[in-house]
Amino acid sequence: MHPELYADRLTPVSIAFGAGYRFSDSFSLGLGASLSLRADVGAPTYVANAGDLQHLLIDTDAKVNVALSPNIGFAYDPSSRLHLTGTVHTPEKVELGVDFTFLLATGLQQGSSFTLLYDYMPWQVSAGAAYDVVKTSDDT
């Protein structure tokens, strides 16, 4: 279900699970899922004295949302020589939303926000086929 090793794109934590079942000698199906994370961090900051930035009041608010990214795979042998496979992976990502505001003692407030995206894997659909040209009891 998860044949990719993701190489350099899998530096954050990744959890995947799946199960498969062989319905007959010629058909197998597998279902799985990976976790996608979205974390939002807000850091409103009160600046009592703009000349003394070592003494700030920060109120940090952090939230994490977890979503499942399902995937499916199959293997089908319509004949003893022809073999078909396919997989579908839905998008998977780790997102971090950052919001921050500064409030000065004068009442002036400014802020900004941005999103950081890590470990993004887009939709992936793959198919495979194999045909045994030479088939003996020892070799295929």
C-alpha atoms as a PDB file:
ATOM      1  CA  MET A   1       0.000   0.000   0.000  1.00  0.00           C
ATOM      2  CA  HIS A   2       2.866   2.374   0.688  1.00  0.00           C
ATOM      3  CA  PRO A   3       5.715   1.326  -1.612  1.00  0.00           C
ATOM      4  CA  GLU A   4       7.292   4.778  -1.715  1.00  0.00           C
ATOM      5  CA  LEU A   5       9.992   5.648   0.794  1.00  0.00           C
ATOM      6  CA  TYR A   6       9.493   9.377   0.101  1.00  0.00           C
ATOM      7  CA  ALA A   7      13.268   9.979   0.361  1.00  0.00           C
ATOM      8  CA  ASP A   8      13.830  13.633   1.233  1.00  0.00           C
ATOM      9  CA  ARG A   9      10.135  14.552   1.544  1.00  0.00           C
ATOM     10  CA  LEU A  10       9.457  12.472   4.652  1.00  0.00           C
ATOM     11  CA  THR A  11      11.246  14.370   7.393  1.00  0.00           C
ATOM     12  CA  PRO A  12       8.160  15.065   9.585  1.00  0.00           C
ATOM     13  CA  VAL A  13       6.453  12.283  11.482  1.00  0.00           C
ATOM     14  CA  SER A  14       4.399  10.030   9.242  1.00  0.00           C
ATOM     15  CA  ILE A  15       2.017   7.333  10.388  1.00  0.00           C
ATOM     16  CA  ALA A  16       0.432   4.963   7.907  1.00  0.00           C
ATOM     17  CA  PHE A  17      -1.633   1.840   8.387  1.00  0.00           C
ATOM     18  CA  GLY A  18      -3.455  -0.548   6.120  1.00  0.00           C
ATOM     19  CA  ALA A  19      -4.939  -3.960   5.611  1.00  0.00           C
ATOM     20  CA  GLY A  20      -5.357  -6.247   2.653  1.00  0.00           C
ATOM     21  CA  TYR A  21      -7.466  -9.229   1.791  1.00  0.00           C
ATOM     22  CA  ARG A  22      -7.158 -11.871  -0.904  1.00  0.00           C
ATOM     23  CA  PHE A  23     -10.685 -12.499  -2.188  1.00  0.00           C
ATOM     24  CA  SER A  24      -9.668 -15.263  -4.586  1.00  0.00           C
ATOM     25  CA  ASP A  25      -6.572 -16.722  -6.213  1.00  0.00           C
ATOM     26  CA  SER A  26      -6.733 -13.943  -8.814  1.00  0.00           C
ATOM     27  CA  PHE A  27      -7.898 -10.826  -6.894  1.00  0.00           C
ATOM     28  CA  SER A  28      -6.499  -8.966  -3.870  1.00  0.00           C
ATOM     29  CA  LEU A  29      -7.535  -5.603  -2.462  1.00  0.00           C
ATOM     30  CA  GLY A  30      -5.877  -3.388   0.110  1.00  0.00           C
ATOM     31  CA  LEU A  31      -7.040  -0.272   1.953  1.00  0.00           C
ATOM     32  CA  GLY A  32      -4.934   2.056   4.034  1.00  0.00           C
ATOM     33  CA  ALA A  33      -4.636   5.559   5.386  1.00  0.00           C
ATOM     34  CA  SER A  34      -1.985   8.079   6.400  1.00  0.00           C
ATOM     35  CA  LEU A  35      -2.320  10.919   8.866  1.00  0.00           C
ATOM     36  CA  SER A  36      -2.324  14.495   7.609  1.00  0.00           C
ATOM     37  CA  LEU A  37      -1.758  17.220  10.186  1.00  0.00           C
ATOM     38  CA  ARG A  38      -2.731  20.889  10.302  1.00  0.00           C
ATOM     39  CA  ALA A  39      -1.366  22.960  13.186  1.00  0.00           C
ATOM     40  CA  ASP A  40      -2.427  26.546  13.808  1.00  0.00           C
ATOM     41  CA  VAL A  41      -0.409  28.781  16.095  1.00  0.00           C
ATOM     42  CA  GLY A  42      -1.455  32.276  17.114  1.00  0.00           C
ATOM     43  CA  ALA A  43       0.876  34.539  19.074  1.00  0.00           C
ATOM     44  CA  PRO A  44      -0.717  37.878  19.965  1.00  0.00           C
ATOM     45  CA  THR A  45       1.967  40.054  21.567  1.00  0.00           C
ATOM     46  CA  TYR A  46       1.521  43.135  23.738  1.00  0.00           C
ATOM     47  CA  VAL A  47       4.400  45.623  23.585  1.00  0.00           C
ATOM     48  CA  ALA A  48       4.166  47.849  26.665  1.00  0.00           C
ATOM     49  CA  ASN A  49       7.359  49.755  25.842  1.00  0.00           C
ATOM     50  CA  ALA A  50       8.727  49.798  22.273  1.00  0.00           C
ATOM     51  CA  GLY A  51      12.162  50.697  23.664  1.00  0.00           C
ATOM     52  CA  ASP A  52      12.228  47.589  25.892  1.00  0.00           C
ATOM     53  CA  LEU A  53      11.499  44.620  23.630  1.00  0.00           C
ATOM     54  CA  GLN A  54      12.902  42.134  26.164  1.00  0.00           C
ATOM     55  CA  HIS A  55       9.703  42.406  28.191  1.00  0.00           C
ATOM     56  CA  LEU A  56       6.813  41.388  25.950  1.00  0.00           C
ATOM     57  CA  LEU A  57       3.540  39.767  26.914  1.00  0.00           C
ATOM     58  CA  ILE A  58       2.762  36.842  24.590  1.00  0.00           C
ATOM     59  CA  ASP A  59      -0.419  34.780  24.591  1.00  0.00           C
ATOM     60  CA  THR A  60       0.242  31.643  22.546  1.00  0.00           C
ATOM     61  CA  ASP A  61      -2.697  29.672  21.177  1.00  0.00           C
ATOM     62  CA  ALA A  62      -1.931  26.380  19.419  1.00  0.00           C
ATOM     63  CA  LYS A  63      -4.308  23.860  17.803  1.00  0.00           C
ATOM     64  CA  VAL A  64      -3.708  20.667  15.843  1.00  0.00           C
ATOM     65  CA  ASN A  65      -6.209  19.028  13.489  1.00  0.00           C
ATOM     66  CA  VAL A  66      -5.694  15.474  12.269  1.00  0.00           C
ATOM     67  CA  ALA A  67      -7.151  14.127   9.021  1.00  0.00           C
ATOM     68  CA  LEU A  68      -6.892  10.751   7.324  1.00  0.00           C
ATOM     69  CA  SER A  69      -5.611  10.450   3.763  1.00  0.00           C
ATOM     70  CA  PRO A  70      -6.936   7.136   2.433  1.00  0.00           C
ATOM     71  CA  ASN A  71      -5.299   4.981  -0.210  1.00  0.00           C
ATOM     72  CA  ILE A  72      -6.307   1.825  -2.028  1.00  0.00           C
ATOM     73  CA  GLY A  73      -4.526  -0.810  -4.067  1.00  0.00           C
ATOM     74  CA  PHE A  74      -5.432  -3.936  -5.971  1.00  0.00           C
ATOM     75  CA  ALA A  75      -3.817  -6.872  -7.759  1.00  0.00           C
ATOM     76  CA  TYR A  76      -5.741  -8.860 -10.364  1.00  0.00           C
ATOM     77  CA  ASP A  77      -4.653 -11.809 -12.459  1.00  0.00           C
ATOM     78  CA  PRO A  78      -7.210 -12.246 -15.276  1.00  0.00           C
ATOM     79  CA  SER A  79      -5.196 -15.190 -16.633  1.00  0.00           C
ATOM     80  CA  SER A  80      -2.208 -17.253 -15.539  1.00  0.00           C
ATOM     81  CA  ARG A  81       0.091 -15.034 -17.644  1.00  0.00           C
ATOM     82  CA  LEU A  82      -1.449 -11.551 -17.315  1.00  0.00           C
ATOM     83  CA  HIS A  83      -1.083  -9.596 -14.049  1.00  0.00           C
ATOM     84  CA  LEU A  84      -2.635  -6.149 -13.368  1.00  0.00           C
ATOM     85  CA  THR A  85      -2.089  -3.813 -10.402  1.00  0.00           C
ATOM     86  CA  GLY A  86      -3.168  -0.324  -9.413  1.00  0.00           C
ATOM     87  CA  THR A  87      -2.966   2.138  -6.537  1.00  0.00           C
ATOM     88  CA  VAL A  88      -4.565   5.459  -5.618  1.00  0.00           C
ATOM     89  CA  HIS A  89      -3.049   7.714  -2.941  1.00  0.00           C
ATOM     90  CA  THR A  90      -4.945  10.813  -1.829  1.00  0.00           C
ATOM     91  CA  PRO A  91      -3.009  13.990  -0.946  1.00  0.00           C
ATOM     92  CA  GLU A  92      -1.045  13.984   2.287  1.00  0.00           C
ATOM     93  CA  LYS A  93       0.568  16.974   3.977  1.00  0.00           C
ATOM     94  CA  VAL A  94       1.692  18.600   7.184  1.00  0.00           C
ATOM     95  CA  GLU A  95       0.612  22.255   7.347  1.00  0.00           C
ATOM     96  CA  LEU A  96       1.503  24.915   9.884  1.00  0.00           C
ATOM     97  CA  GLY A  97      -0.562  28.114   9.987  1.00  0.00           C
ATOM     98  CA  VAL A  98       1.060  31.031  11.812  1.00  0.00           C
ATOM     99  CA  ASP A  99      -0.826  34.154  12.950  1.00  0.00           C
ATOM    100  CA  PHE A 100       0.822  36.916  14.934  1.00  0.00           C
ATOM    101  CA  THR A 101      -0.198  40.404  16.050  1.00  0.00           C
ATOM    102  CA  PHE A 102       1.569  43.195  17.894  1.00  0.00           C
ATOM    103  CA  LEU A 103      -0.382  45.586  20.091  1.00  0.00           C
ATOM    104  CA  LEU A 104       1.444  48.715  21.240  1.00  0.00           C
ATOM    105  CA  ALA A 105       0.541  50.630  24.413  1.00  0.00           C
ATOM    106  CA  THR A 106      -0.672  53.471  22.165  1.00  0.00           C
ATOM    107  CA  GLY A 107      -3.424  51.200  20.809  1.00  0.00           C
ATOM    108  CA  LEU A 108      -1.780  50.651  17.417  1.00  0.00           C
ATOM    109  CA  GLN A 109      -2.122  47.022  16.316  1.00  0.00           C
ATOM    110  CA  GLN A 110      -0.492  45.247  13.381  1.00  0.00           C
ATOM    111  CA  GLY A 111      -0.355  41.612  12.415  1.00  0.00           C
ATOM    112  CA  SER A 112       0.247  39.095   9.713  1.00  0.00           C
ATOM    113  CA  SER A 113      -0.220  35.409   8.949  1.00  0.00           C
ATOM    114  CA  PHE A 114       1.280  32.811   6.691  1.00  0.00           C
ATOM    115  CA  THR A 115       1.172  29.059   6.094  1.00  0.00           C
ATOM    116  CA  LEU A 116       4.116  26.668   5.994  1.00  0.00           C
ATOM    117  CA  LEU A 117       3.684  23.407   4.084  1.00  0.00           C
ATOM    118  CA  TYR A 118       5.811  20.348   4.837  1.00  0.00           C
ATOM    119  CA  ASP A 119       5.802  16.794   3.506  1.00  0.00           C
ATOM    120  CA  TYR A 120       3.318  17.403   0.689  1.00  0.00           C
ATOM    121  CA  MET A 121       2.417  14.417  -1.450  1.00  0.00           C
ATOM    122  CA  PRO A 122      -0.127  15.165  -4.208  1.00  0.00           C
ATOM    123  CA  TRP A 123      -2.683  12.787  -5.688  1.00  0.00           C
ATOM    124  CA  GLN A 124      -0.951   9.695  -7.039  1.00  0.00           C
ATOM    125  CA  VAL A 125      -2.611   7.181  -9.325  1.00  0.00           C
ATOM    126  CA  SER A 126      -0.611   4.311 -10.728  1.00  0.00           C
ATOM    127  CA  ALA A 127      -1.277   1.210 -12.780  1.00  0.00           C
ATOM    128  CA  GLY A 128       0.871  -1.718 -13.752  1.00  0.00           C
ATOM    129  CA  ALA A 129       0.675  -4.671 -16.061  1.00  0.00           C
ATOM    130  CA  ALA A 130       2.874  -7.687 -16.621  1.00  0.00           C
ATOM    131  CA  TYR A 131       2.671 -10.500 -19.108  1.00  0.00           C
ATOM    132  CA  ASP A 132       4.624 -13.720 -18.708  1.00  0.00           C
ATOM    133  CA  VAL A 133       6.124 -14.344 -22.153  1.00  0.00           C
ATOM    134  CA  VAL A 134       7.944 -17.494 -21.074  1.00  0.00           C
ATOM    135  CA  LYS A 135       6.337 -19.581 -18.369  1.00  0.00           C
ATOM    136  CA  THR A 136       7.697 -22.894 -17.168  1.00  0.00           C
ATOM    137  CA  SER A 137       7.427 -24.648 -13.838  1.00  0.00           C
ATOM    138  CA  ASP A 138      10.754 -23.051 -12.748  1.00  0.00           C
ATOM    139  CA  ASP A 139      10.786 -19.652 -14.459  1.00  0.00           C
ATOM    140  CA  THR A 140       8.432 -16.845 -15.386  1.00  0.00           C
END
